N, C-alpha and C. Protein backbone atom coordinates (compact mmCIF):
# COMPACT_ATOMS: atom_id res chain seq x y z
N UNK A 1 113.11 91.98 105.55
CA UNK A 1 113.08 93.17 104.94
C UNK A 1 114.05 94.06 105.39
N UNK A 2 114.15 93.25 107.37
CA UNK A 2 115.29 93.58 107.46
C UNK A 2 116.99 93.37 107.17
N UNK A 3 117.24 92.41 106.21
CA UNK A 3 118.45 91.91 106.35
C UNK A 3 118.67 92.38 104.90
N UNK A 4 117.08 92.71 103.71
CA UNK A 4 117.48 93.38 102.88
C UNK A 4 117.87 94.28 102.68
N UNK A 5 117.24 95.12 104.05
CA UNK A 5 117.66 96.88 104.46
C UNK A 5 119.46 96.66 104.96
N UNK A 6 119.67 95.66 105.61
CA UNK A 6 121.35 95.85 106.49
C UNK A 6 121.95 95.64 104.66
N UNK A 7 121.85 94.76 103.79
CA UNK A 7 122.61 94.27 102.75
C UNK A 7 123.09 95.70 102.14
N UNK A 8 122.39 96.49 102.21
CA UNK A 8 122.18 97.09 100.96
C UNK A 8 122.72 99.04 101.90
N UNK A 9 123.41 98.35 103.21
CA UNK A 9 124.00 99.25 104.34
C UNK A 9 123.58 99.79 105.05
N UNK A 10 122.31 99.75 105.26
CA UNK A 10 121.08 100.63 106.59
C UNK A 10 121.28 100.26 107.83
N UNK A 11 121.40 100.89 108.69
CA UNK A 11 121.25 100.59 109.59
C UNK A 11 119.32 100.36 110.13
N UNK A 12 119.22 99.27 110.82
CA UNK A 12 117.69 99.01 110.70
C UNK A 12 117.41 98.82 112.51
N UNK A 13 116.08 99.41 112.75
CA UNK A 13 116.03 99.12 114.23
C UNK A 13 114.44 98.29 113.87
N UNK A 14 114.02 97.37 114.46
CA UNK A 14 112.89 96.73 114.33
C UNK A 14 112.05 96.40 115.63
N UNK A 15 110.99 96.97 115.88
CA UNK A 15 109.85 96.83 116.96
C UNK A 15 108.76 95.90 116.59
N UNK A 16 108.92 95.29 117.84
CA UNK A 16 107.61 93.95 117.81
C UNK A 16 107.60 93.79 119.24
N UNK A 17 106.52 93.09 119.24
CA UNK A 17 105.39 92.56 120.74
C UNK A 17 106.50 91.11 121.12
N UNK A 18 106.56 90.12 119.93
CA UNK A 18 107.10 89.04 119.86
C UNK A 18 108.67 89.19 120.40
N UNK A 19 109.12 88.57 121.58
CA UNK A 19 110.57 89.32 122.08
C UNK A 19 111.32 88.43 121.53
N UNK A 20 111.20 86.91 121.03
CA UNK A 20 111.63 85.15 120.82
C UNK A 20 112.18 85.71 119.45
N UNK A 21 110.67 86.43 118.78
CA UNK A 21 112.08 86.68 117.17
C UNK A 21 112.62 87.95 117.44
N UNK A 22 112.39 89.14 118.06
CA UNK A 22 113.43 90.01 117.98
C UNK A 22 114.52 89.17 118.34
N UNK A 23 114.98 88.83 119.16
CA UNK A 23 115.74 87.87 120.04
C UNK A 23 116.71 87.87 118.51
N UNK A 24 115.76 86.99 117.84
CA UNK A 24 116.35 85.58 116.99
C UNK A 24 117.06 86.53 115.92
N UNK A 25 116.10 87.34 115.69
CA UNK A 25 116.82 88.55 114.55
C UNK A 25 118.06 89.40 114.52
N UNK A 26 118.08 89.78 116.10
CA UNK A 26 119.14 90.39 116.54
C UNK A 26 120.40 89.77 116.27
N UNK A 27 119.99 87.94 116.87
CA UNK A 27 121.21 86.99 116.78
C UNK A 27 121.34 87.15 115.48
N UNK A 28 120.73 86.96 114.38
CA UNK A 28 120.97 87.17 113.13
C UNK A 28 121.75 88.22 112.16
N UNK A 29 121.07 89.10 112.61
CA UNK A 29 121.49 90.33 111.76
C UNK A 29 122.71 90.97 112.43
N UNK A 30 123.12 90.90 113.77
CA UNK A 30 124.20 91.57 114.00
C UNK A 30 124.04 92.80 114.36
N UNK A 31 125.03 93.97 114.91
CA UNK A 31 125.26 94.84 115.49
C UNK A 31 124.47 96.36 114.11
N UNK A 32 124.41 96.11 113.45
CA UNK A 32 123.32 97.18 112.77
C UNK A 32 122.29 97.15 112.95
N UNK A 33 121.31 96.34 113.54
CA UNK A 33 119.90 95.91 113.71
C UNK A 33 119.82 96.29 115.40
N UNK A 34 119.29 97.01 115.72
CA UNK A 34 118.76 97.39 117.13
C UNK A 34 117.51 96.69 117.55
N UNK A 35 116.72 95.53 117.97
CA UNK A 35 115.34 95.07 118.42
C UNK A 35 115.36 95.79 119.52
N UNK A 36 114.04 96.11 119.66
CA UNK A 36 113.08 96.58 120.65
C UNK A 36 111.65 96.12 120.63
N UNK A 37 111.79 95.50 121.98
CA UNK A 37 110.11 95.17 122.38
C UNK A 37 109.30 95.96 122.46
N UNK A 38 108.37 95.96 122.04
CA UNK A 38 107.23 96.80 121.64
C UNK A 38 105.81 96.33 121.22
N UNK A 39 104.63 97.68 122.05
CA UNK A 39 103.36 96.89 121.93
C UNK A 39 103.17 98.54 120.39
N UNK A 40 102.78 97.56 119.60
CA UNK A 40 102.95 99.15 118.80
C UNK A 40 101.61 99.88 118.79
N UNK A 41 100.52 98.85 119.21
CA UNK A 41 99.41 100.24 119.70
C UNK A 41 99.35 101.52 120.84
N UNK A 42 100.71 101.08 121.49
CA UNK A 42 100.80 101.99 122.53
C UNK A 42 101.96 102.77 121.81
N UNK A 43 101.24 104.61 122.03
CA UNK A 43 101.84 105.31 121.50
C UNK A 43 103.06 105.76 122.19
N UNK A 44 103.19 105.71 123.47
CA UNK A 44 104.40 106.45 124.67
C UNK A 44 105.61 105.07 124.51
N UNK A 45 105.21 103.66 124.20
CA UNK A 45 106.61 103.03 123.91
C UNK A 45 106.37 103.02 122.84
N UNK A 46 105.59 103.52 121.50
CA UNK A 46 106.88 103.76 120.66
C UNK A 46 107.79 105.09 120.86
N UNK A 47 107.43 106.31 121.36
CA UNK A 47 108.33 106.87 121.07
C UNK A 47 109.43 106.88 121.91
N UNK A 48 109.09 105.92 122.91
CA UNK A 48 110.46 106.02 124.00
C UNK A 48 111.44 104.43 123.24
N UNK A 49 110.88 103.46 122.15
CA UNK A 49 111.65 102.66 121.25
C UNK A 49 112.34 104.06 120.39
N UNK A 50 111.51 105.18 119.89
CA UNK A 50 111.97 106.11 118.90
C UNK A 50 113.27 106.59 119.69
N UNK A 51 113.15 107.01 120.57
CA UNK A 51 114.22 107.91 121.52
C UNK A 51 115.13 106.73 121.30
N UNK A 52 115.04 105.34 122.17
CA UNK A 52 116.22 104.47 121.73
C UNK A 52 117.24 104.03 120.43
N UNK A 53 116.09 103.87 119.49
CA UNK A 53 117.27 103.92 118.47
C UNK A 53 117.77 105.18 118.20
N UNK A 54 116.91 106.70 118.52
CA UNK A 54 117.84 107.96 118.01
C UNK A 54 119.01 107.99 118.51
N UNK A 55 119.76 107.19 119.85
CA UNK A 55 121.13 107.44 120.24
C UNK A 55 121.71 106.14 119.28
N UNK A 56 121.04 105.59 118.68
CA UNK A 56 121.65 104.48 117.46
C UNK A 56 122.08 105.38 116.23
N UNK A 57 121.14 106.39 115.84
CA UNK A 57 121.10 106.66 114.59
C UNK A 57 120.23 107.73 114.11
N UNK A 58 120.38 109.16 113.73
CA UNK A 58 119.69 110.18 114.02
C UNK A 58 118.65 110.56 113.15
N UNK A 59 119.41 110.19 111.96
CA UNK A 59 117.85 110.00 110.75
C UNK A 59 117.14 109.03 110.61
N UNK A 60 116.02 109.40 109.98
CA UNK A 60 114.93 108.05 109.47
C UNK A 60 114.80 108.37 108.44
N UNK A 61 115.36 107.39 107.20
CA UNK A 61 114.84 107.49 106.04
C UNK A 61 113.82 106.90 105.54
N UNK A 62 113.64 105.36 106.27
CA UNK A 62 112.73 104.79 105.12
C UNK A 62 111.70 104.29 107.00
N UNK A 63 110.53 103.59 106.51
CA UNK A 63 109.88 103.40 107.63
C UNK A 63 109.12 102.05 106.98
N UNK A 64 108.71 100.67 107.31
CA UNK A 64 108.11 99.84 106.68
C UNK A 64 107.05 99.43 108.10
N UNK A 65 105.82 99.81 107.29
CA UNK A 65 105.03 99.07 109.12
C UNK A 65 104.25 97.94 108.25
N UNK A 66 104.92 96.60 109.09
CA UNK A 66 104.68 95.39 108.56
C UNK A 66 104.17 94.29 109.52
N UNK A 67 104.16 95.10 110.76
CA UNK A 67 103.36 93.86 111.94
C UNK A 67 101.86 93.70 111.32
N UNK A 68 101.63 92.89 111.69
CA UNK A 68 99.54 92.24 111.77
C UNK A 68 99.58 90.84 111.78
N UNK A 69 98.05 90.63 112.46
CA UNK A 69 97.85 89.53 112.78
C UNK A 69 96.85 89.39 111.88
N UNK A 70 96.25 87.38 111.77
CA UNK A 70 95.39 87.47 110.82
C UNK A 70 93.98 86.32 111.78
N UNK A 71 93.69 85.97 110.95
CA UNK A 71 93.14 84.81 111.65
C UNK A 71 91.42 84.87 111.63
N UNK A 72 91.07 84.06 111.13
CA UNK A 72 89.56 83.46 110.73
C UNK A 72 88.63 84.26 111.92
N UNK A 73 87.86 84.61 111.80
CA UNK A 73 87.09 84.97 113.48
C UNK A 73 85.75 84.70 112.65
N UNK A 74 85.39 84.31 111.61
CA UNK A 74 83.90 83.90 111.46
C UNK A 74 83.13 85.35 110.74
N UNK A 75 81.84 85.46 110.20
CA UNK A 75 81.32 86.17 109.81
C UNK A 75 81.30 87.60 111.21
N UNK A 76 80.71 88.63 110.71
CA UNK A 76 80.76 89.79 111.64
C UNK A 76 79.63 89.59 112.57
N UNK A 77 78.70 88.64 112.75
CA UNK A 77 78.18 88.22 113.98
C UNK A 77 78.43 87.08 114.17
N UNK A 78 79.74 86.76 114.09
CA UNK A 78 80.30 85.70 114.89
C UNK A 78 82.23 86.57 115.34
N UNK A 79 82.11 87.47 114.25
CA UNK A 79 83.41 87.94 115.25
C UNK A 79 83.20 88.88 116.50
N UNK A 80 83.96 88.88 117.32
CA UNK A 80 83.45 89.03 118.74
C UNK A 80 84.04 90.59 118.63
N UNK A 81 83.80 91.58 119.63
CA UNK A 81 84.33 92.99 119.64
C UNK A 81 85.24 92.46 120.06
N UNK A 82 85.99 92.35 120.71
CA UNK A 82 87.49 92.03 121.04
C UNK A 82 88.11 91.67 120.42
N UNK A 83 87.71 90.71 119.29
CA UNK A 83 88.46 90.18 117.62
C UNK A 83 88.60 91.24 117.48
N UNK A 84 87.56 92.15 117.18
CA UNK A 84 87.41 93.33 115.94
C UNK A 84 88.50 94.08 116.47
N UNK A 85 88.82 94.70 117.95
CA UNK A 85 89.24 95.89 118.29
C UNK A 85 90.86 95.13 117.80
N UNK A 86 91.22 93.90 118.06
CA UNK A 86 92.61 93.28 118.51
C UNK A 86 92.90 93.45 117.19
N UNK A 87 92.45 93.22 115.98
CA UNK A 87 92.67 93.29 114.68
C UNK A 87 92.86 94.30 114.08
N UNK A 88 92.16 95.30 114.07
CA UNK A 88 92.02 96.41 113.73
C UNK A 88 92.90 97.41 114.85
N UNK A 89 93.67 96.96 115.80
CA UNK A 89 94.73 97.73 116.34
C UNK A 89 95.52 97.30 116.04
N UNK A 90 96.16 95.88 115.98
CA UNK A 90 97.36 95.71 115.24
C UNK A 90 97.62 96.00 113.79
N UNK A 91 96.45 96.10 113.07
CA UNK A 91 97.13 95.81 111.59
C UNK A 91 96.77 97.37 110.94
N UNK A 92 95.78 98.25 111.58
CA UNK A 92 95.83 98.88 111.01
C UNK A 92 96.21 100.33 112.04
N UNK A 93 95.73 100.45 113.19
CA UNK A 93 96.06 101.42 114.65
C UNK A 93 97.58 101.79 114.47
N UNK A 94 97.52 100.56 114.88
CA UNK A 94 99.31 99.94 115.12
C UNK A 94 100.16 101.00 114.08
N UNK A 95 99.88 100.63 112.33
CA UNK A 95 100.62 101.31 111.71
C UNK A 95 100.64 102.94 112.08
N UNK A 96 99.49 103.80 112.26
CA UNK A 96 98.68 104.98 112.26
C UNK A 96 99.92 105.16 113.20
N UNK A 97 99.82 104.43 114.51
CA UNK A 97 100.48 105.14 115.67
C UNK A 97 101.81 105.30 115.16
N UNK A 98 102.53 104.22 114.88
CA UNK A 98 104.11 104.34 114.45
C UNK A 98 104.30 105.20 113.63
N UNK A 99 103.36 105.48 112.67
CA UNK A 99 103.85 106.76 111.02
C UNK A 99 103.67 108.09 112.41
N UNK A 100 102.75 108.12 113.39
CA UNK A 100 102.51 109.47 113.38
C UNK A 100 103.89 110.03 114.32
N UNK A 101 104.64 108.94 114.86
CA UNK A 101 105.53 109.04 115.90
C UNK A 101 106.16 109.27 115.00
N UNK A 102 107.28 108.02 113.94
CA UNK A 102 108.48 108.36 113.34
C UNK A 102 108.35 109.62 112.08
N UNK A 103 107.17 109.70 111.66
CA UNK A 103 107.18 110.48 110.49
C UNK A 103 107.85 111.88 110.80
N UNK A 104 107.34 112.52 111.94
CA UNK A 104 108.99 114.01 112.02
C UNK A 104 109.93 113.74 111.87
N UNK A 105 110.51 112.34 111.84
CA UNK A 105 111.69 112.86 112.07
C UNK A 105 112.34 112.10 110.58
N UNK A 106 111.03 111.77 109.32
CA UNK A 106 111.41 111.68 108.06
C UNK A 106 111.60 112.86 107.21
N UNK A 107 110.87 114.09 107.64
CA UNK A 107 110.58 115.14 107.05
C UNK A 107 111.96 115.60 106.47
N UNK A 108 111.91 115.70 105.03
CA UNK A 108 113.07 115.99 104.44
C UNK A 108 114.12 115.54 104.65
N UNK A 109 114.43 114.34 104.96
CA UNK A 109 115.33 113.66 104.54
C UNK A 109 115.37 113.07 103.19
N UNK A 110 116.72 112.99 102.85
CA UNK A 110 117.09 113.12 101.09
C UNK A 110 116.31 111.26 101.31
N UNK A 111 115.48 111.08 100.23
CA UNK A 111 115.02 110.09 99.78
C UNK A 111 114.13 109.31 101.03
N UNK A 112 112.98 110.03 101.89
CA UNK A 112 112.30 109.30 102.31
C UNK A 112 110.96 108.89 102.61
N UNK A 113 111.24 107.65 102.29
CA UNK A 113 109.96 106.74 101.87
C UNK A 113 109.13 105.59 102.95
N UNK A 114 108.23 105.45 103.10
CA UNK A 114 106.94 105.29 104.14
C UNK A 114 106.64 103.13 103.30
N UNK A 115 106.42 102.66 103.38
CA UNK A 115 105.98 101.73 102.85
C UNK A 115 104.77 100.70 104.00
N UNK A 116 103.16 100.67 103.83
CA UNK A 116 102.85 99.68 104.51
C UNK A 116 102.22 98.59 103.72
N UNK A 117 102.18 97.97 104.88
CA UNK A 117 102.20 96.48 104.10
C UNK A 117 100.41 95.86 104.38
N UNK A 118 99.82 95.93 103.56
CA UNK A 118 98.22 95.70 103.74
C UNK A 118 98.42 94.05 103.06
N UNK A 119 97.04 93.83 102.15
CA UNK A 119 97.15 92.42 101.96
C UNK A 119 96.34 92.45 100.57
N UNK A 120 96.39 91.39 99.90
CA UNK A 120 95.05 91.09 98.94
C UNK A 120 93.94 91.43 99.21
N UNK A 121 93.83 90.93 100.30
CA UNK A 121 92.39 91.41 101.23
C UNK A 121 92.00 92.44 101.45
N UNK A 122 92.79 93.66 101.31
CA UNK A 122 92.87 94.72 101.14
C UNK A 122 91.90 95.43 100.17
N UNK A 123 91.98 94.52 98.90
CA UNK A 123 91.23 95.03 98.01
C UNK A 123 89.97 93.87 97.38
N UNK A 124 90.15 93.02 97.43
CA UNK A 124 88.89 92.49 97.70
C UNK A 124 88.52 91.50 98.90
N UNK A 125 87.24 91.09 98.96
CA UNK A 125 86.50 90.37 100.16
C UNK A 125 87.06 88.91 100.42
N UNK A 126 86.97 88.47 101.15
CA UNK A 126 87.46 87.04 102.04
C UNK A 126 86.33 86.48 103.05
N UNK A 127 86.09 85.31 102.83
CA UNK A 127 85.85 84.65 104.11
C UNK A 127 85.75 84.36 105.26
N UNK A 128 84.92 84.87 106.34
CA UNK A 128 85.59 84.78 107.63
C UNK A 128 86.65 85.40 108.08
N UNK A 129 86.76 86.36 107.81
CA UNK A 129 87.61 87.08 108.31
C UNK A 129 87.02 89.12 108.33
N UNK A 130 86.50 89.55 108.44
CA UNK A 130 85.51 90.54 108.22
C UNK A 130 86.85 92.09 108.63
N UNK A 131 87.09 91.79 110.09
CA UNK A 131 87.91 92.67 110.70
C UNK A 131 89.60 92.57 109.64
N UNK A 132 90.07 91.92 109.43
CA UNK A 132 91.04 91.74 108.72
C UNK A 132 91.09 92.54 107.52
N UNK A 133 90.08 92.42 106.95
CA UNK A 133 89.77 92.53 105.72
C UNK A 133 89.90 94.06 105.83
N UNK A 134 88.73 94.66 106.66
CA UNK A 134 88.37 96.00 106.55
C UNK A 134 89.86 96.89 107.13
N UNK A 135 90.66 96.19 108.04
CA UNK A 135 92.05 96.57 108.68
C UNK A 135 93.28 96.96 107.33
N UNK A 136 93.03 95.85 106.85
CA UNK A 136 94.32 95.93 105.56
C UNK A 136 93.19 96.79 104.12
N UNK A 137 92.23 96.91 104.42
CA UNK A 137 91.64 98.29 103.24
C UNK A 137 91.59 99.52 104.30
N UNK A 138 91.90 99.73 105.38
CA UNK A 138 92.06 101.03 106.00
C UNK A 138 93.89 101.16 105.60
N UNK A 139 94.34 100.78 105.34
CA UNK A 139 95.79 100.51 105.31
C UNK A 139 96.44 101.17 103.90
N UNK A 140 95.12 100.67 102.79
CA UNK A 140 95.28 101.39 101.29
C UNK A 140 94.56 102.31 101.56
N UNK A 141 93.53 102.79 102.06
CA UNK A 141 93.20 104.86 102.32
C UNK A 141 94.45 105.16 103.07
N UNK A 142 95.05 105.02 104.30
CA UNK A 142 95.17 105.17 104.86
C UNK A 142 96.99 106.03 103.85
N UNK A 143 97.17 105.28 103.54
CA UNK A 143 98.35 105.14 102.34
C UNK A 143 98.09 106.09 101.33
N UNK A 144 97.07 106.27 100.84
CA UNK A 144 96.61 107.44 99.83
C UNK A 144 96.34 108.57 100.35
N UNK A 145 95.86 108.62 101.81
CA UNK A 145 95.95 109.86 102.24
C UNK A 145 97.52 110.69 102.85
N UNK A 146 97.96 109.60 103.56
CA UNK A 146 99.48 110.03 103.92
C UNK A 146 99.92 110.72 102.89
N UNK A 147 100.17 109.84 101.63
CA UNK A 147 100.57 110.47 100.07
C UNK A 147 100.70 111.83 99.86
N UNK A 148 99.37 112.29 100.29
CA UNK A 148 98.79 113.50 99.94
C UNK A 148 99.18 114.66 100.63
N UNK A 149 99.02 113.70 102.30
CA UNK A 149 99.57 115.01 103.19
C UNK A 149 101.34 115.31 103.53
N UNK A 150 101.48 113.91 103.06
CA UNK A 150 103.63 114.32 103.38
C UNK A 150 104.34 114.48 102.21
N UNK A 151 103.88 114.04 100.25
CA UNK A 151 104.44 114.65 99.10
C UNK A 151 105.36 116.19 99.52
N UNK A 152 104.30 117.12 100.07
CA UNK A 152 105.37 118.52 100.29
C UNK A 152 106.07 118.38 101.52
N UNK A 153 106.57 116.97 102.16
CA UNK A 153 107.56 116.83 103.03
C UNK A 153 108.83 116.20 101.79
N UNK A 154 108.62 115.92 101.29
CA UNK A 154 109.32 115.14 100.65
C UNK A 154 109.09 113.42 100.98
N UNK A 155 108.07 113.04 101.83
CA UNK A 155 107.98 111.80 102.18
C UNK A 155 107.06 110.86 101.21
N UNK A 156 107.77 109.95 100.66
CA UNK A 156 106.90 109.03 99.66
C UNK A 156 105.87 107.96 100.64
N UNK A 157 104.91 107.83 100.18
CA UNK A 157 104.26 106.82 100.93
C UNK A 157 103.34 105.64 99.65
N UNK A 158 103.80 104.90 99.93
CA UNK A 158 103.01 103.56 99.34
C UNK A 158 102.78 102.27 99.79
N UNK A 159 102.49 101.49 99.50
CA UNK A 159 101.34 100.24 99.87
C UNK A 159 101.72 99.24 99.19
N UNK A 160 102.25 97.83 99.60
CA UNK A 160 102.20 96.62 98.65
C UNK A 160 100.86 95.85 99.31
N UNK A 161 100.66 95.11 98.35
CA UNK A 161 99.33 93.79 98.97
C UNK A 161 99.40 92.71 98.52
N UNK A 162 101.05 91.94 99.55
CA UNK A 162 100.80 90.44 99.18
C UNK A 162 99.94 89.79 99.20
N UNK A 163 100.18 88.63 98.25
CA UNK A 163 98.51 87.52 98.47
C UNK A 163 99.24 86.28 99.63
N UNK A 164 98.95 85.26 99.29
CA UNK A 164 99.42 84.18 100.05
C UNK A 164 100.68 84.02 100.08
N UNK A 165 101.56 84.33 101.03
CA UNK A 165 102.70 84.70 101.58
C UNK A 165 103.62 83.42 102.64
N UNK A 166 104.33 82.75 101.90
CA UNK A 166 104.85 81.20 102.95
C UNK A 166 105.66 81.88 104.81
N UNK A 167 104.50 82.48 105.52
CA UNK A 167 104.57 82.95 106.63
C UNK A 167 104.70 82.29 108.10
N UNK A 168 104.40 82.86 109.33
CA UNK A 168 104.01 81.45 110.27
C UNK A 168 102.58 82.03 110.09
N UNK A 169 102.09 83.19 109.97
CA UNK A 169 100.56 83.88 110.07
C UNK A 169 99.47 82.61 109.19
N UNK A 170 100.55 82.53 107.59
CA UNK A 170 99.87 81.68 106.68
C UNK A 170 99.77 80.32 107.65
N UNK A 171 100.59 79.98 108.08
CA UNK A 171 100.43 78.23 108.22
C UNK A 171 99.28 78.29 109.74
N UNK A 172 99.43 79.08 110.21
CA UNK A 172 98.71 79.70 111.79
C UNK A 172 97.19 79.04 111.05
N UNK A 173 97.08 80.32 110.25
CA UNK A 173 95.84 80.07 109.41
C UNK A 173 95.05 78.50 108.91
N UNK A 174 96.39 78.11 108.48
CA UNK A 174 96.03 76.66 107.84
C UNK A 174 95.53 75.41 109.06
N UNK A 175 96.03 76.62 110.41
CA UNK A 175 95.62 75.31 111.59
C UNK A 175 93.75 75.69 111.85
N UNK A 176 93.40 76.12 111.21
CA UNK A 176 92.16 76.86 111.59
C UNK A 176 91.06 75.82 110.10
N UNK A 177 90.94 74.59 110.27
CA UNK A 177 90.33 73.94 109.00
C UNK A 177 89.01 73.73 108.74
N UNK A 178 87.88 74.41 109.55
CA UNK A 178 86.90 74.62 108.81
C UNK A 178 86.58 76.13 107.93
N UNK A 179 86.70 77.10 108.03
CA UNK A 179 86.63 77.99 107.66
C UNK A 179 87.73 78.10 106.39
N UNK A 180 88.62 77.88 106.81
CA UNK A 180 90.24 77.80 106.19
C UNK A 180 90.23 77.35 104.98
N UNK A 181 89.34 75.80 104.88
CA UNK A 181 89.02 74.93 103.91
C UNK A 181 88.24 75.91 103.06
N UNK A 182 87.25 76.52 103.63
CA UNK A 182 86.09 77.10 102.57
C UNK A 182 86.76 77.93 101.97
N UNK A 183 87.50 79.20 102.56
CA UNK A 183 87.94 79.92 101.96
C UNK A 183 88.96 79.99 101.09
N UNK A 184 89.97 78.43 101.38
CA UNK A 184 90.99 78.10 100.32
C UNK A 184 90.45 77.53 98.69
N UNK A 185 88.68 76.67 99.33
CA UNK A 185 88.37 76.41 98.11
C UNK A 185 88.03 77.21 97.72
N UNK A 186 87.68 78.40 98.09
CA UNK A 186 86.82 79.26 96.95
C UNK A 186 87.99 80.14 95.84
N UNK A 187 88.91 80.40 96.53
CA UNK A 187 89.67 81.08 95.45
C UNK A 187 91.02 80.54 95.13
N UNK A 188 90.97 78.72 95.41
CA UNK A 188 92.18 78.01 95.00
C UNK A 188 92.59 78.11 93.69
N UNK A 189 91.65 78.73 92.61
CA UNK A 189 92.09 78.38 91.43
C UNK A 189 91.99 80.00 90.56
N UNK A 190 92.71 80.81 91.95
CA UNK A 190 92.72 82.54 91.37
C UNK A 190 93.89 83.25 91.31
N UNK A 191 95.15 82.41 91.97
CA UNK A 191 96.34 82.77 91.70
C UNK A 191 96.66 82.06 90.12
N UNK A 192 97.64 82.75 89.29
CA UNK A 192 98.14 82.93 88.16
C UNK A 192 99.51 82.21 88.31
N UNK A 193 100.15 82.74 88.99
CA UNK A 193 101.57 82.03 89.35
C UNK A 193 101.77 81.13 90.66
N UNK A 194 102.62 80.33 91.03
CA UNK A 194 102.64 79.58 92.23
C UNK A 194 102.57 80.24 93.53
N UNK A 195 102.15 79.64 94.12
CA UNK A 195 102.06 80.57 95.69
C UNK A 195 101.75 79.15 96.57
N UNK A 196 102.45 79.39 97.80
CA UNK A 196 102.70 80.79 98.41
C UNK A 196 103.74 81.54 98.29
N UNK A 197 104.19 82.83 98.26
CA UNK A 197 105.06 83.18 97.56
C UNK A 197 105.96 82.92 98.69
N UNK A 198 107.49 83.51 98.31
CA UNK A 198 108.24 83.69 99.62
C UNK A 198 108.35 84.92 100.11
N UNK A 199 108.58 84.91 101.05
CA UNK A 199 108.82 85.88 102.15
C UNK A 199 109.88 87.35 101.10
N UNK A 200 110.80 86.60 100.93
CA UNK A 200 112.27 87.67 100.39
C UNK A 200 111.83 87.98 99.25
N UNK A 201 110.46 87.52 98.40
CA UNK A 201 110.24 88.17 97.32
C UNK A 201 109.37 89.56 97.24
N UNK A 202 108.25 89.43 98.43
CA UNK A 202 107.83 90.85 98.67
C UNK A 202 108.48 91.84 99.25
N UNK A 203 109.73 91.24 100.39
CA UNK A 203 110.35 92.13 100.45
C UNK A 203 111.40 92.97 99.61
N UNK A 204 111.58 92.31 98.64
CA UNK A 204 111.96 92.91 97.10
C UNK A 204 110.97 93.99 96.57
N UNK A 205 109.93 93.99 96.99
CA UNK A 205 109.45 94.97 96.44
C UNK A 205 109.41 96.28 97.23
N UNK A 206 108.70 95.87 98.49
CA UNK A 206 109.61 96.68 99.16
C UNK A 206 110.43 97.77 99.58
N UNK A 207 111.84 96.70 99.14
CA UNK A 207 113.09 97.82 99.26
C UNK A 207 113.76 98.20 98.00
N UNK A 208 112.50 97.97 96.73
CA UNK A 208 112.09 98.80 95.40
C UNK A 208 111.40 100.34 95.67
N UNK A 209 110.67 100.18 96.28
CA UNK A 209 109.63 100.78 97.20
C UNK A 209 110.44 102.08 97.89
N UNK A 210 111.36 101.71 98.86
CA UNK A 210 112.40 102.51 100.15
C UNK A 210 112.82 103.21 98.83
N UNK A 211 113.53 102.54 97.57
CA UNK A 211 114.20 102.91 96.89
C UNK A 211 114.69 103.78 95.94
N UNK A 212 115.87 104.63 95.53
CA UNK A 212 115.87 105.41 94.90
C UNK A 212 114.46 105.00 92.97
N UNK A 213 115.00 104.22 93.09
CA UNK A 213 114.31 103.80 91.37
C UNK A 213 112.66 104.33 91.78
N UNK A 214 112.04 104.00 92.41
CA UNK A 214 111.14 104.53 92.76
C UNK A 214 110.37 106.13 93.47
N UNK A 215 111.49 106.81 93.14
CA UNK A 215 111.45 108.11 93.37
C UNK A 215 109.79 108.98 92.82
N UNK A 216 109.44 108.39 91.96
CA UNK A 216 108.47 109.01 91.42
C UNK A 216 107.38 108.01 91.79
N UNK A 217 106.96 107.57 92.59
CA UNK A 217 106.26 106.90 93.30
C UNK A 217 105.57 106.96 94.26
N UNK A 218 104.12 107.20 94.65
CA UNK A 218 103.82 107.88 95.80
C UNK A 218 102.50 107.67 95.70
N UNK A 219 101.68 107.05 97.08
CA UNK A 219 100.43 107.05 96.95
C UNK A 219 100.16 105.12 95.84
N UNK A 220 100.88 104.52 95.55
CA UNK A 220 100.42 103.71 94.97
C UNK A 220 100.38 102.25 96.21
N UNK A 221 99.52 101.41 95.36
CA UNK A 221 99.28 100.34 95.70
C UNK A 221 99.98 99.17 94.69
N UNK A 222 100.41 98.18 95.34
CA UNK A 222 101.20 97.34 94.14
C UNK A 222 100.34 96.10 94.91
N UNK A 223 100.23 95.38 94.13
CA UNK A 223 99.76 94.04 94.49
C UNK A 223 101.01 92.85 94.29
N UNK A 224 101.66 91.64 95.19
CA UNK A 224 102.57 91.01 95.00
C UNK A 224 101.73 89.62 95.17
N UNK A 225 100.79 89.33 94.37
CA UNK A 225 99.87 88.33 94.96
C UNK A 225 100.15 87.33 93.42
N UNK A 226 100.90 87.19 92.74
CA UNK A 226 100.56 85.88 91.81
C UNK A 226 99.39 85.98 90.84
N UNK A 227 99.24 87.50 90.61
CA UNK A 227 97.85 87.57 89.86
C UNK A 227 96.58 87.12 90.53
N UNK A 228 96.17 87.18 91.70
CA UNK A 228 95.43 86.58 93.14
C UNK A 228 94.10 87.63 92.33
N UNK A 229 94.51 88.78 92.33
CA UNK A 229 93.16 90.06 92.54
C UNK A 229 92.86 90.24 91.30
N UNK A 230 94.16 89.94 89.90
CA UNK A 230 93.73 89.93 88.57
C UNK A 230 92.88 89.25 88.14
N UNK A 231 92.24 88.10 88.89
CA UNK A 231 91.83 86.51 87.95
C UNK A 231 90.40 86.43 88.64
């Protein structure tokens, strides 16, 4: 997503808890990409990061909340409170915190747009990860509420729901064989198109939602799942 925005001429700030991944992205993207290690659940740290980014660029025209963690935790009786709080905290509370900090800098900016990255599991249930499903469904509700609140501010708020996508998180999930195999067997015939998707295909839809061609879209929930939820 950062690469797509940079190629469109934007300056991009990336925040993430993964210092190694940020350093790799900074090396790949050059001077127009500013990387700051942050735990997005920490509002003060996000404020500090935004202040640092503000020294590079004063206006914020777009925000993509795509940080997330997955992992099979078992059903609700098997999911620990620690795992529940961690998954909800990163996937849902983190998006709220970053939005809360950044939105004041977006109000009234031409073409201001925000995109949350949910999941097909925000729209349907899945076996063995109730916290993940709850967090991703929460992002859909957050999208709609923010669209209502911030339309008068000139800020569009939309959401994409990717299906299986070739990311490190997907590959980590595949290493949990018992629950993963059960869920994969349950859904293996649901995708109508070849999967997993390339991350660039998901980024393309996010880029569209950030751009002027989506000027009349807000509060939308867009599946990018190969027909997974349609079937």
